[in-house]
Amino acid sequence: MPKLAGSFYTLGSSSLGDGVTKQEVMRRVNWFAIFLDGDQVLVTATEAKGLPTTVSRAVPLKDFFAKFIPDKTHYDNVVLPLLESTRDKLESSEGKPSRLSPDEMIVYKALQLSKHHVPGATEQELADMPLTLLRELPDYEASFSAHKHELNMASIASRKSGRYQEALELYNALLRATPDDHHIVFNAARVYFEKQDYVTCRKCLQLALENDPDFDAARKFMIYLDKHFLKGTSEYRNFLRYQFFTPQPCELTINGKKYAAEVIDLSAAGLRVRCPRDAAAHMSTGKEIVVQADTDLLKPLLRGIPCQVVWFRDDVCGILLLEPLDGKSPDFKRIVGYSHIV
């Protein structure tokens, strides 16, 4: 039988503007999900109040685990109160929706499944489906644990089958939900090792040890890597640098004037930024500027931080943060799920 899964969200990029002003921005969509029989999940987009919209689709279970991130906070604060009030009124009226408020009626309709969703269900079972679903509200701790387990198993299977990019995408989905999980970062290091990308492998191990200095397996792996594969290599000893899958919009203040730009990658010590032509004309080595992020992901980190231009080539400049970031802060750790270590 179908079962409520709870609240999730997805992140995607979209383009704003044209030409030199064109920017890629991250877009978040909240979803309400129901596990269907078999390997399908029905996901329905929700609006700001948490109410389901008419936008819904069934997605394969594997895609659901890879792309939809559990959101317990949104569920507890917005969705759960609606589900509980709808359930209580249906219980007191023998499943009849006559006493429901307009918002509760929207929830009720979203829980009305068809034979397309539940093949073999009787008419009475379909009529009772909203209350049946509401009688078993999601256990988020158990649901998140199962979600994480399934995603981890899928990523391990992808790695063992040589589908390395798929494995890395699955690990990034895990890291978006649990950015400080050193075991996930360690597993990503194994993928890079099998790809023979030993420098990135070591950086993943370094990150795993930053999250847990007592992680013995990561330390032994790093010693083995240094001894057999990275002799004489110094590149891996730099700050961990995160290159974003989608460049993050920001604002540069140069000589008191503001310019739209985008962050390509970031470390605790600096960042690389792509600049428009009008900003590039004012760039030079040693120039002091101010960087302000425009996205929810980077706003907590780059809040009008004073910086200095270190180098400039074409439309990209390397920038030193005059006040280094705390690489162990929760806000900094979040970026690992939206980037890859370089």
C-alpha atoms as a PDB file:
ATOM      1  CA  MET A   1       0.000   0.000   0.000  1.00  0.00           C
ATOM      2  CA  PRO A   2       1.125   3.595  -0.585  1.00  0.00           C
ATOM      3  CA  LYS A   3       2.770   5.423   2.306  1.00  0.00           C
ATOM      4  CA  LEU A   4       3.496   9.065   3.056  1.00  0.00           C
ATOM      5  CA  ALA A   5       7.155   9.971   2.611  1.00  0.00           C
ATOM      6  CA  GLY A   6       7.017  13.588   3.786  1.00  0.00           C
ATOM      7  CA  SER A   7       8.667  16.817   2.625  1.00  0.00           C
ATOM      8  CA  PHE A   8      11.657  17.028   0.294  1.00  0.00           C
ATOM      9  CA  TYR A   9      13.294  19.585  -1.937  1.00  0.00           C
ATOM     10  CA  THR A  10      15.286  19.658  -5.135  1.00  0.00           C
ATOM     11  CA  LEU A  11      17.807  22.175  -6.394  1.00  0.00           C
ATOM     12  CA  GLY A  12      18.283  23.142 -10.015  1.00  0.00           C
ATOM     13  CA  SER A  13      19.864  25.961 -11.960  1.00  0.00           C
ATOM     14  CA  SER A  14      18.217  28.460 -14.272  1.00  0.00           C
ATOM     15  CA  SER A  15      19.536  31.340 -16.391  1.00  0.00           C
ATOM     16  CA  LEU A  16      18.828  35.016 -15.816  1.00  0.00           C
ATOM     17  CA  GLY A  17      19.723  37.758 -18.290  1.00  0.00           C
ATOM     18  CA  ASP A  18      21.556  37.623 -21.606  1.00  0.00           C
ATOM     19  CA  GLY A  19      25.065  38.125 -22.905  1.00  0.00           C
ATOM     20  CA  VAL A  20      27.609  39.414 -20.386  1.00  0.00           C
ATOM     21  CA  THR A  21      24.885  39.837 -17.746  1.00  0.00           C
ATOM     22  CA  LYS A  22      23.739  36.213 -18.029  1.00  0.00           C
ATOM     23  CA  GLN A  23      23.838  34.405 -14.678  1.00  0.00           C
ATOM     24  CA  GLU A  24      23.109  30.875 -13.515  1.00  0.00           C
ATOM     25  CA  VAL A  25      21.127  30.842 -10.265  1.00  0.00           C
ATOM     26  CA  MET A  26      20.121  28.000  -7.980  1.00  0.00           C
ATOM     27  CA  ARG A  27      16.384  27.345  -7.735  1.00  0.00           C
ATOM     28  CA  ARG A  28      14.808  25.378  -4.893  1.00  0.00           C
ATOM     29  CA  VAL A  29      11.502  23.502  -5.256  1.00  0.00           C
ATOM     30  CA  ASN A  30       9.675  21.952  -2.285  1.00  0.00           C
ATOM     31  CA  TRP A  31       7.874  18.649  -2.779  1.00  0.00           C
ATOM     32  CA  PHE A  32       5.395  16.477  -0.922  1.00  0.00           C
ATOM     33  CA  ALA A  33       6.062  12.786  -1.573  1.00  0.00           C
ATOM     34  CA  ILE A  34       4.130   9.503  -1.370  1.00  0.00           C
ATOM     35  CA  PHE A  35       5.764   6.101  -1.781  1.00  0.00           C
ATOM     36  CA  LEU A  36       3.701   4.074  -4.249  1.00  0.00           C
ATOM     37  CA  ASP A  37       3.770   0.310  -4.634  1.00  0.00           C
ATOM     38  CA  GLY A  38       6.773  -0.969  -6.559  1.00  0.00           C
ATOM     39  CA  ASP A  39       9.672   1.372  -7.251  1.00  0.00           C
ATOM     40  CA  GLN A  40       7.773   4.616  -7.872  1.00  0.00           C
ATOM     41  CA  VAL A  41       7.338   7.762  -5.771  1.00  0.00           C
ATOM     42  CA  LEU A  42       4.612  10.334  -6.425  1.00  0.00           C
ATOM     43  CA  VAL A  43       6.008  13.840  -5.887  1.00  0.00           C
ATOM     44  CA  THR A  44       3.835  16.945  -5.804  1.00  0.00           C
ATOM     45  CA  ALA A  45       5.288  20.458  -5.806  1.00  0.00           C
ATOM     46  CA  THR A  46       4.209  22.632  -2.876  1.00  0.00           C
ATOM     47  CA  GLU A  47       3.856  26.394  -2.656  1.00  0.00           C
ATOM     48  CA  ALA A  48       5.125  28.726   0.068  1.00  0.00           C
ATOM     49  CA  LYS A  49       2.433  27.764   2.609  1.00  0.00           C
ATOM     50  CA  GLY A  50       3.265  24.086   2.157  1.00  0.00           C
ATOM     51  CA  LEU A  51       0.081  23.352   0.211  1.00  0.00           C
ATOM     52  CA  PRO A  52       0.319  20.851  -2.663  1.00  0.00           C
ATOM     53  CA  THR A  53      -0.092  22.295  -6.140  1.00  0.00           C
ATOM     54  CA  THR A  54      -1.436  20.554  -9.243  1.00  0.00           C
ATOM     55  CA  VAL A  55       2.131  19.849 -10.417  1.00  0.00           C
ATOM     56  CA  SER A  56       2.923  16.205  -9.714  1.00  0.00           C
ATOM     57  CA  ARG A  57       4.705  13.257 -11.303  1.00  0.00           C
ATOM     58  CA  ALA A  58       5.885   9.768 -10.510  1.00  0.00           C
ATOM     59  CA  VAL A  59       9.651   9.255 -10.347  1.00  0.00           C
ATOM     60  CA  PRO A  60      11.646   6.017 -10.071  1.00  0.00           C
ATOM     61  CA  LEU A  61      12.777   5.223  -6.540  1.00  0.00           C
ATOM     62  CA  LYS A  62      16.468   5.437  -7.496  1.00  0.00           C
ATOM     63  CA  ASP A  63      16.029   8.928  -8.976  1.00  0.00           C
ATOM     64  CA  PHE A  64      14.046   9.975  -5.911  1.00  0.00           C
ATOM     65  CA  PHE A  65      16.834   8.943  -3.539  1.00  0.00           C
ATOM     66  CA  ALA A  66      19.446  10.666  -5.717  1.00  0.00           C
ATOM     67  CA  LYS A  67      17.710  13.994  -6.381  1.00  0.00           C
ATOM     68  CA  PHE A  68      15.181  14.664  -3.595  1.00  0.00           C
ATOM     69  CA  ILE A  69      16.617  15.847  -0.280  1.00  0.00           C
ATOM     70  CA  PRO A  70      14.670  15.262   2.986  1.00  0.00           C
ATOM     71  CA  ASP A  71      13.498  18.478   4.659  1.00  0.00           C
ATOM     72  CA  LYS A  72      12.410  17.723   8.214  1.00  0.00           C
ATOM     73  CA  THR A  73      12.311  21.388   9.228  1.00  0.00           C
ATOM     74  CA  HIS A  74       9.832  22.308   6.487  1.00  0.00           C
ATOM     75  CA  TYR A  75       7.806  19.196   7.277  1.00  0.00           C
ATOM     76  CA  ASP A  76       7.633  19.865  11.040  1.00  0.00           C
ATOM     77  CA  ASN A  77       6.874  23.577  10.779  1.00  0.00           C
ATOM     78  CA  VAL A  78       4.657  23.787   7.705  1.00  0.00           C
ATOM     79  CA  VAL A  79       3.344  20.453   6.425  1.00  0.00           C
ATOM     80  CA  LEU A  80       2.802  18.360   9.574  1.00  0.00           C
ATOM     81  CA  PRO A  81       0.257  20.722  11.225  1.00  0.00           C
ATOM     82  CA  LEU A  82      -1.857  20.595   8.053  1.00  0.00           C
ATOM     83  CA  LEU A  83      -1.682  16.809   7.875  1.00  0.00           C
ATOM     84  CA  GLU A  84      -2.649  16.408  11.542  1.00  0.00           C
ATOM     85  CA  SER A  85      -5.608  18.793  11.388  1.00  0.00           C
ATOM     86  CA  THR A  86      -6.848  17.123   8.175  1.00  0.00           C
ATOM     87  CA  ARG A  87      -6.502  13.669   9.751  1.00  0.00           C
ATOM     88  CA  ASP A  88      -8.302  14.660  12.956  1.00  0.00           C
ATOM     89  CA  LYS A  89     -11.289  16.123  11.099  1.00  0.00           C
ATOM     90  CA  LEU A  90     -11.562  13.095   8.817  1.00  0.00           C
ATOM     91  CA  GLU A  91     -11.398  10.751  11.805  1.00  0.00           C
ATOM     92  CA  SER A  92     -14.246  12.605  13.512  1.00  0.00           C
ATOM     93  CA  SER A  93     -16.446  12.586  10.390  1.00  0.00           C
ATOM     94  CA  GLU A  94     -15.971   8.955   9.236  1.00  0.00           C
ATOM     95  CA  GLY A  95     -13.631  10.004   6.441  1.00  0.00           C
ATOM     96  CA  LYS A  96     -15.990  12.601   4.968  1.00  0.00           C
ATOM     97  CA  PRO A  97     -14.277  15.878   3.925  1.00  0.00           C
ATOM     98  CA  SER A  98     -17.255  18.147   4.645  1.00  0.00           C
ATOM     99  CA  ARG A  99     -15.663  19.781   7.720  1.00  0.00           C
ATOM    100  CA  LEU A 100     -12.303  20.521   6.118  1.00  0.00           C
ATOM    101  CA  SER A 101     -11.028  24.067   5.702  1.00  0.00           C
ATOM    102  CA  PRO A 102      -9.991  25.234   2.204  1.00  0.00           C
ATOM    103  CA  ASP A 103      -6.326  24.492   2.937  1.00  0.00           C
ATOM    104  CA  GLU A 104      -7.137  21.072   4.385  1.00  0.00           C
ATOM    105  CA  MET A 105      -9.260  20.300   1.328  1.00  0.00           C
ATOM    106  CA  ILE A 106      -6.234  20.946  -0.891  1.00  0.00           C
ATOM    107  CA  VAL A 107      -4.263  18.432   1.205  1.00  0.00           C
ATOM    108  CA  TYR A 108      -7.145  15.946   1.011  1.00  0.00           C
ATOM    109  CA  LYS A 109      -7.265  16.166  -2.782  1.00  0.00           C
ATOM    110  CA  ALA A 110      -3.514  15.619  -3.028  1.00  0.00           C
ATOM    111  CA  LEU A 111      -3.975  12.358  -1.106  1.00  0.00           C
ATOM    112  CA  GLN A 112      -6.669  11.066  -3.449  1.00  0.00           C
ATOM    113  CA  LEU A 113      -4.917   8.448  -5.539  1.00  0.00           C
ATOM    114  CA  SER A 114      -6.262   6.701  -8.625  1.00  0.00           C
ATOM    115  CA  LYS A 115      -6.023   3.198 -10.049  1.00  0.00           C
ATOM    116  CA  HIS A 116      -3.154   4.523 -12.120  1.00  0.00           C
ATOM    117  CA  HIS A 117      -1.229   5.090  -8.888  1.00  0.00           C
ATOM    118  CA  VAL A 118      -2.507   1.971  -7.090  1.00  0.00           C
ATOM    119  CA  PRO A 119      -3.305  -0.769  -9.620  1.00  0.00           C
ATOM    120  CA  GLY A 120      -5.664  -3.383  -8.204  1.00  0.00           C
ATOM    121  CA  ALA A 121      -7.105  -1.162  -5.471  1.00  0.00           C
ATOM    122  CA  THR A 122     -10.868  -1.362  -4.944  1.00  0.00           C
ATOM    123  CA  GLU A 123     -13.106   1.684  -5.215  1.00  0.00           C
ATOM    124  CA  GLN A 124     -13.570   1.669  -1.438  1.00  0.00           C
ATOM    125  CA  GLU A 125      -9.815   1.487  -0.826  1.00  0.00           C
ATOM    126  CA  LEU A 126      -9.291   4.460  -3.109  1.00  0.00           C
ATOM    127  CA  ALA A 127     -12.091   6.390  -1.361  1.00  0.00           C
ATOM    128  CA  ASP A 128     -10.480   5.678   2.027  1.00  0.00           C
ATOM    129  CA  MET A 129      -6.943   6.426   0.797  1.00  0.00           C
ATOM    130  CA  PRO A 130      -6.556   9.982   2.232  1.00  0.00           C
ATOM    131  CA  LEU A 131      -7.371   8.846   5.774  1.00  0.00           C
ATOM    132  CA  THR A 132      -5.404   5.607   5.348  1.00  0.00           C
ATOM    133  CA  LEU A 133      -2.308   7.617   4.434  1.00  0.00           C
ATOM    134  CA  LEU A 134      -2.836  10.134   7.237  1.00  0.00           C
ATOM    135  CA  ARG A 135      -3.066   7.411   9.871  1.00  0.00           C
ATOM    136  CA  GLU A 136       0.620   6.626   9.346  1.00  0.00           C
ATOM    137  CA  LEU A 137       2.523   9.898   9.278  1.00  0.00           C
ATOM    138  CA  PRO A 138       6.218   9.720   8.369  1.00  0.00           C
ATOM    139  CA  ASP A 139       8.787   8.783  10.997  1.00  0.00           C
ATOM    140  CA  TYR A 140      11.420  11.198   9.780  1.00  0.00           C
ATOM    141  CA  GLU A 141      14.341   9.676  11.630  1.00  0.00           C
ATOM    142  CA  ALA A 142      13.578   6.236  10.178  1.00  0.00           C
ATOM    143  CA  SER A 143      12.704   7.700   6.771  1.00  0.00           C
ATOM    144  CA  PHE A 144      15.916   9.712   6.553  1.00  0.00           C
ATOM    145  CA  SER A 145      17.985   6.737   7.685  1.00  0.00           C
ATOM    146  CA  ALA A 146      16.386   4.533   5.008  1.00  0.00           C
ATOM    147  CA  HIS A 147      16.815   7.286   2.405  1.00  0.00           C
ATOM    148  CA  LYS A 148      20.496   7.629   3.250  1.00  0.00           C
ATOM    149  CA  HIS A 149      21.033   3.860   3.265  1.00  0.00           C
ATOM    150  CA  GLU A 150      19.418   3.353  -0.148  1.00  0.00           C
ATOM    151  CA  LEU A 151      21.379   6.231  -1.644  1.00  0.00           C
ATOM    152  CA  ASN A 152      24.645   4.931  -0.189  1.00  0.00           C
ATOM    153  CA  MET A 153      23.996   1.403  -1.502  1.00  0.00           C
ATOM    154  CA  ALA A 154      23.222   2.793  -4.972  1.00  0.00           C
ATOM    155  CA  SER A 155      26.432   4.835  -4.963  1.00  0.00           C
ATOM    156  CA  ILE A 156      28.529   1.836  -3.905  1.00  0.00           C
ATOM    157  CA  ALA A 157      26.954  -0.274  -6.666  1.00  0.00           C
ATOM    158  CA  SER A 158      27.727   2.471  -9.203  1.00  0.00           C
ATOM    159  CA  ARG A 159      31.349   2.662  -8.072  1.00  0.00           C
ATOM    160  CA  LYS A 160      31.835  -1.110  -8.211  1.00  0.00           C
ATOM    161  CA  SER A 161      30.324  -1.166 -11.714  1.00  0.00           C
ATOM    162  CA  GLY A 162      32.738   1.515 -12.914  1.00  0.00           C
ATOM    163  CA  ARG A 163      30.035   4.191 -13.281  1.00  0.00           C
ATOM    164  CA  TYR A 164      32.172   6.701 -11.435  1.00  0.00           C
ATOM    165  CA  GLN A 165      30.384   9.922 -12.404  1.00  0.00           C
ATOM    166  CA  GLU A 166      27.047   8.425 -11.360  1.00  0.00           C
ATOM    167  CA  ALA A 167      28.577   7.374  -8.037  1.00  0.00           C
ATOM    168  CA  LEU A 168      29.911  10.888  -7.419  1.00  0.00           C
ATOM    169  CA  GLU A 169      26.522  12.439  -8.192  1.00  0.00           C
ATOM    170  CA  LEU A 170      24.906  10.110  -5.665  1.00  0.00           C
ATOM    171  CA  TYR A 171      27.516  10.958  -3.025  1.00  0.00           C
ATOM    172  CA  ASN A 172      26.889  14.660  -3.624  1.00  0.00           C
ATOM    173  CA  ALA A 173      23.178  14.075  -3.042  1.00  0.00           C
ATOM    174  CA  LEU A 174      24.089  12.483   0.281  1.00  0.00           C
ATOM    175  CA  LEU A 175      26.385  15.348   1.212  1.00  0.00           C
ATOM    176  CA  ARG A 176      23.657  17.918   0.551  1.00  0.00           C
ATOM    177  CA  ALA A 177      21.679  16.267   3.348  1.00  0.00           C
ATOM    178  CA  THR A 178      24.620  15.448   5.676  1.00  0.00           C
ATOM    179  CA  PRO A 179      27.546  17.704   4.693  1.00  0.00           C
ATOM    180  CA  ASP A 180      29.793  16.718   7.612  1.00  0.00           C
ATOM    181  CA  ASP A 181      29.490  12.924   7.209  1.00  0.00           C
ATOM    182  CA  HIS A 182      33.128  11.796   6.960  1.00  0.00           C
ATOM    183  CA  HIS A 183      32.161   8.287   5.770  1.00  0.00           C
ATOM    184  CA  ILE A 184      30.485   9.698   2.644  1.00  0.00           C
ATOM    185  CA  VAL A 185      33.519  11.855   1.863  1.00  0.00           C
ATOM    186  CA  PHE A 186      35.737   8.798   2.392  1.00  0.00           C
ATOM    187  CA  ASN A 187      33.648   6.790  -0.096  1.00  0.00           C
ATOM    188  CA  ALA A 188      33.949   9.646  -2.598  1.00  0.00           C
ATOM    189  CA  ALA A 189      37.732   9.455  -2.112  1.00  0.00           C
ATOM    190  CA  ARG A 190      37.599   5.785  -3.127  1.00  0.00           C
ATOM    191  CA  VAL A 191      35.841   6.738  -6.358  1.00  0.00           C
ATOM    192  CA  TYR A 192      38.541   9.281  -7.210  1.00  0.00           C
ATOM    193  CA  PHE A 193      41.208   6.678  -6.383  1.00  0.00           C
ATOM    194  CA  GLU A 194      39.657   4.215  -8.828  1.00  0.00           C
ATOM    195  CA  LYS A 195      39.513   7.011 -11.420  1.00  0.00           C
ATOM    196  CA  GLN A 196      43.262   7.460 -10.754  1.00  0.00           C
ATOM    197  CA  ASP A 197      42.652  11.062  -9.710  1.00  0.00           C
ATOM    198  CA  TYR A 198      44.962  10.767  -6.724  1.00  0.00           C
ATOM    199  CA  VAL A 199      45.191  14.484  -5.907  1.00  0.00           C
ATOM    200  CA  THR A 200      41.405  14.867  -5.550  1.00  0.00           C
ATOM    201  CA  CYS A 201      41.304  11.554  -3.693  1.00  0.00           C
ATOM    202  CA  ARG A 202      43.727  12.941  -1.111  1.00  0.00           C
ATOM    203  CA  LYS A 203      41.775  16.173  -0.761  1.00  0.00           C
ATOM    204  CA  CYS A 204      38.639  14.150   0.004  1.00  0.00           C
ATOM    205  CA  LEU A 205      40.586  12.240   2.646  1.00  0.00           C
ATOM    206  CA  GLN A 206      41.810  15.542   4.064  1.00  0.00           C
ATOM    207  CA  LEU A 207      38.209  16.754   4.307  1.00  0.00           C
ATOM    208  CA  ALA A 208      37.133  13.493   5.975  1.00  0.00           C
ATOM    209  CA  LEU A 209      39.856  13.977   8.592  1.00  0.00           C
ATOM    210  CA  GLU A 210      38.820  17.596   9.141  1.00  0.00           C
ATOM    211  CA  ASN A 211      35.326  16.298   9.952  1.00  0.00           C
ATOM    212  CA  ASP A 212      36.715  13.528  12.185  1.00  0.00           C
ATOM    213  CA  PRO A 213      40.411  13.757  13.169  1.00  0.00           C
ATOM    214  CA  ASP A 214      40.199  10.237  14.655  1.00  0.00           C
ATOM    215  CA  PHE A 215      39.076   8.621  11.390  1.00  0.00           C
ATOM    216  CA  ASP A 216      41.835   6.005  11.273  1.00  0.00           C
ATOM    217  CA  ALA A 217      40.869   4.463   7.907  1.00  0.00           C
ATOM    218  CA  ALA A 218      41.167   7.837   6.175  1.00  0.00           C
ATOM    219  CA  ARG A 219      44.534   8.535   7.787  1.00  0.00           C
ATOM    220  CA  LYS A 220      45.930   5.142   6.724  1.00  0.00           C
ATOM    221  CA  PHE A 221      44.571   5.627   3.187  1.00  0.00           C
ATOM    222  CA  MET A 222      46.263   9.054   3.018  1.00  0.00           C
ATOM    223  CA  ILE A 223      49.621   7.636   4.173  1.00  0.00           C
ATOM    224  CA  TYR A 224      49.355   4.868   1.552  1.00  0.00           C
ATOM    225  CA  LEU A 225      48.481   7.432  -1.131  1.00  0.00           C
ATOM    226  CA  ASP A 226      51.391   9.706  -0.235  1.00  0.00           C
ATOM    227  CA  LYS A 227      53.851   6.806  -0.214  1.00  0.00           C
ATOM    228  CA  HIS A 228      52.879   5.105  -3.463  1.00  0.00           C
ATOM    229  CA  PHE A 229      51.151   7.666  -5.708  1.00  0.00           C
ATOM    230  CA  LEU A 230      51.948  11.247  -4.671  1.00  0.00           C
ATOM    231  CA  LYS A 231      55.702  11.310  -4.130  1.00  0.00           C
ATOM    232  CA  GLY A 232      57.033  14.743  -4.934  1.00  0.00           C
ATOM    233  CA  THR A 233      53.561  16.165  -5.544  1.00  0.00           C
ATOM    234  CA  SER A 234      52.925  19.420  -3.702  1.00  0.00           C
ATOM    235  CA  GLU A 235      49.632  20.523  -5.290  1.00  0.00           C
ATOM    236  CA  TYR A 236      47.504  18.497  -2.875  1.00  0.00           C
ATOM    237  CA  ARG A 237      48.932  20.382   0.113  1.00  0.00           C
ATOM    238  CA  ASN A 238      47.028  23.577  -0.737  1.00  0.00           C
ATOM    239  CA  PHE A 239      43.749  24.646   0.867  1.00  0.00           C
ATOM    240  CA  LEU A 240      40.786  22.496  -0.094  1.00  0.00           C
ATOM    241  CA  ARG A 241      39.094  24.289  -2.995  1.00  0.00           C
ATOM    242  CA  TYR A 242      35.479  23.663  -4.046  1.00  0.00           C
ATOM    243  CA  GLN A 243      34.425  24.215  -7.662  1.00  0.00           C
ATOM    244  CA  PHE A 244      30.664  24.773  -7.925  1.00  0.00           C
ATOM    245  CA  PHE A 245      28.579  22.685 -10.305  1.00  0.00           C
ATOM    246  CA  THR A 246      26.739  25.939 -11.066  1.00  0.00           C
ATOM    247  CA  PRO A 247      28.656  29.241 -10.654  1.00  0.00           C
ATOM    248  CA  GLN A 248      27.191  31.270  -7.784  1.00  0.00           C
ATOM    249  CA  PRO A 249      26.081  34.887  -8.450  1.00  0.00           C
ATOM    250  CA  CYS A 250      27.827  37.574  -6.421  1.00  0.00           C
ATOM    251  CA  GLU A 251      28.406  41.317  -6.398  1.00  0.00           C
ATOM    252  CA  LEU A 252      31.818  43.003  -6.567  1.00  0.00           C
ATOM    253  CA  THR A 253      32.380  46.506  -5.232  1.00  0.00           C
ATOM    254  CA  ILE A 254      35.298  48.173  -7.043  1.00  0.00           C
ATOM    255  CA  ASN A 255      36.121  51.838  -6.432  1.00  0.00           C
ATOM    256  CA  GLY A 256      32.703  52.259  -4.836  1.00  0.00           C
ATOM    257  CA  LYS A 257      30.832  50.882  -7.870  1.00  0.00           C
ATOM    258  CA  LYS A 258      28.969  47.559  -7.855  1.00  0.00           C
ATOM    259  CA  TYR A 259      29.281  44.886 -10.578  1.00  0.00           C
ATOM    260  CA  ALA A 260      27.449  41.567 -11.058  1.00  0.00           C
ATOM    261  CA  ALA A 261      29.810  38.577 -11.205  1.00  0.00           C
ATOM    262  CA  GLU A 262      29.846  34.871 -10.307  1.00  0.00           C
ATOM    263  CA  VAL A 263      31.937  32.701  -8.001  1.00  0.00           C
ATOM    264  CA  ILE A 264      33.506  29.768  -9.845  1.00  0.00           C
ATOM    265  CA  ASP A 265      35.177  28.129  -6.853  1.00  0.00           C
ATOM    266  CA  LEU A 266      35.971  28.846  -3.226  1.00  0.00           C
ATOM    267  CA  SER A 267      38.430  27.897  -0.499  1.00  0.00           C
ATOM    268  CA  ALA A 268      38.805  29.147   3.067  1.00  0.00           C
ATOM    269  CA  ALA A 269      41.565  31.453   1.807  1.00  0.00           C
ATOM    270  CA  GLY A 270      40.217  32.755  -1.499  1.00  0.00           C
ATOM    271  CA  LEU A 271      38.026  32.349  -4.549  1.00  0.00           C
ATOM    272  CA  ARG A 272      37.958  32.583  -8.323  1.00  0.00           C
ATOM    273  CA  VAL A 273      35.400  34.932  -9.840  1.00  0.00           C
ATOM    274  CA  ARG A 274      34.214  35.464 -13.412  1.00  0.00           C
ATOM    275  CA  CYS A 275      33.732  39.178 -14.070  1.00  0.00           C
ATOM    276  CA  PRO A 276      31.862  41.176 -16.722  1.00  0.00           C
ATOM    277  CA  ARG A 277      33.930  43.318 -19.107  1.00  0.00           C
ATOM    278  CA  ASP A 278      33.108  46.607 -17.407  1.00  0.00           C
ATOM    279  CA  ALA A 279      34.425  45.237 -14.082  1.00  0.00           C
ATOM    280  CA  ALA A 280      37.491  43.689 -15.731  1.00  0.00           C
ATOM    281  CA  ALA A 281      38.610  47.103 -16.898  1.00  0.00           C
ATOM    282  CA  HIS A 282      39.129  48.116 -13.247  1.00  0.00           C
ATOM    283  CA  MET A 283      40.916  44.929 -12.142  1.00  0.00           C
ATOM    284  CA  SER A 284      44.635  44.820 -11.392  1.00  0.00           C
ATOM    285  CA  THR A 285      46.952  42.811  -9.163  1.00  0.00           C
ATOM    286  CA  GLY A 286      46.828  44.090  -5.594  1.00  0.00           C
ATOM    287  CA  LYS A 287      43.473  45.857  -6.104  1.00  0.00           C
ATOM    288  CA  GLU A 288      41.286  45.754  -2.978  1.00  0.00           C
ATOM    289  CA  ILE A 289      37.629  44.931  -3.631  1.00  0.00           C
ATOM    290  CA  VAL A 290      34.580  43.730  -1.673  1.00  0.00           C
ATOM    291  CA  VAL A 291      32.648  40.520  -2.447  1.00  0.00           C
ATOM    292  CA  GLN A 292      28.985  40.023  -1.524  1.00  0.00           C
ATOM    293  CA  ALA A 293      27.237  36.719  -2.376  1.00  0.00           C
ATOM    294  CA  ASP A 294      23.732  36.730  -3.884  1.00  0.00           C
ATOM    295  CA  THR A 295      22.666  33.127  -3.168  1.00  0.00           C
ATOM    296  CA  ASP A 296      21.414  31.428  -0.008  1.00  0.00           C
ATOM    297  CA  LEU A 297      24.307  28.980  -0.255  1.00  0.00           C
ATOM    298  CA  LEU A 298      27.077  31.610  -0.034  1.00  0.00           C
ATOM    299  CA  LYS A 299      25.419  34.584   1.686  1.00  0.00           C
ATOM    300  CA  PRO A 300      26.415  33.367   5.179  1.00  0.00           C
ATOM    301  CA  LEU A 301      30.054  33.168   4.024  1.00  0.00           C
ATOM    302  CA  LEU A 302      30.554  36.164   1.726  1.00  0.00           C
ATOM    303  CA  ARG A 303      28.869  39.115   3.408  1.00  0.00           C
ATOM    304  CA  GLY A 304      30.727  42.090   2.051  1.00  0.00           C
ATOM    305  CA  ILE A 305      34.139  40.555   2.755  1.00  0.00           C
ATOM    306  CA  PRO A 306      37.228  42.665   1.931  1.00  0.00           C
ATOM    307  CA  CYS A 307      39.482  40.961  -0.628  1.00  0.00           C
ATOM    308  CA  GLN A 308      42.539  41.547  -2.783  1.00  0.00           C
ATOM    309  CA  VAL A 309      43.027  40.621  -6.448  1.00  0.00           C
ATOM    310  CA  VAL A 310      45.981  38.234  -6.797  1.00  0.00           C
ATOM    311  CA  TRP A 311      45.844  37.565 -10.554  1.00  0.00           C
ATOM    312  CA  PHE A 312      43.622  38.316 -13.524  1.00  0.00           C
ATOM    313  CA  ARG A 313      43.360  36.467 -16.859  1.00  0.00           C
ATOM    314  CA  ASP A 314      40.703  37.079 -19.524  1.00  0.00           C
ATOM    315  CA  ASP A 315      37.460  37.428 -17.544  1.00  0.00           C
ATOM    316  CA  VAL A 316      38.519  35.386 -14.472  1.00  0.00           C
ATOM    317  CA  CYS A 317      40.355  36.707 -11.423  1.00  0.00           C
ATOM    318  CA  GLY A 318      41.917  35.018  -8.423  1.00  0.00           C
ATOM    319  CA  ILE A 319      40.972  36.738  -5.166  1.00  0.00           C
ATOM    320  CA  LEU A 320      42.558  36.481  -1.709  1.00  0.00           C
ATOM    321  CA  LEU A 321      40.205  36.837   1.251  1.00  0.00           C
ATOM    322  CA  LEU A 322      41.759  39.330   3.677  1.00  0.00           C
ATOM    323  CA  GLU A 323      39.712  37.639   6.418  1.00  0.00           C
ATOM    324  CA  PRO A 324      39.928  33.825   5.884  1.00  0.00           C
ATOM    325  CA  LEU A 325      36.744  31.797   6.264  1.00  0.00           C
ATOM    326  CA  ASP A 326      36.225  29.171   8.944  1.00  0.00           C
ATOM    327  CA  GLY A 327      36.454  25.960   6.904  1.00  0.00           C
ATOM    328  CA  LYS A 328      34.950  23.941   9.774  1.00  0.00           C
ATOM    329  CA  SER A 329      31.786  26.023  10.172  1.00  0.00           C
ATOM    330  CA  PRO A 330      28.408  24.442   9.244  1.00  0.00           C
ATOM    331  CA  ASP A 331      27.846  27.142   6.596  1.00  0.00           C
ATOM    332  CA  PHE A 332      31.169  26.335   4.920  1.00  0.00           C
ATOM    333  CA  LYS A 333      30.627  22.577   5.105  1.00  0.00           C
ATOM    334  CA  ARG A 334      27.304  22.964   3.248  1.00  0.00           C
ATOM    335  CA  ILE A 335      29.067  23.833   0.003  1.00  0.00           C
ATOM    336  CA  VAL A 336      30.555  20.335  -0.379  1.00  0.00           C
ATOM    337  CA  GLY A 337      27.222  18.996  -1.679  1.00  0.00           C
ATOM    338  CA  TYR A 338      27.080  21.611  -4.461  1.00  0.00           C
ATOM    339  CA  SER A 339      30.645  21.367  -5.695  1.00  0.00           C
ATOM    340  CA  HIS A 340      33.547  19.046  -6.294  1.00  0.00           C
ATOM    341  CA  ILE A 341      36.947  19.303  -4.655  1.00  0.00           C
ATOM    342  CA  VAL A 342      39.719  20.529  -6.946  1.00  0.00           C
END
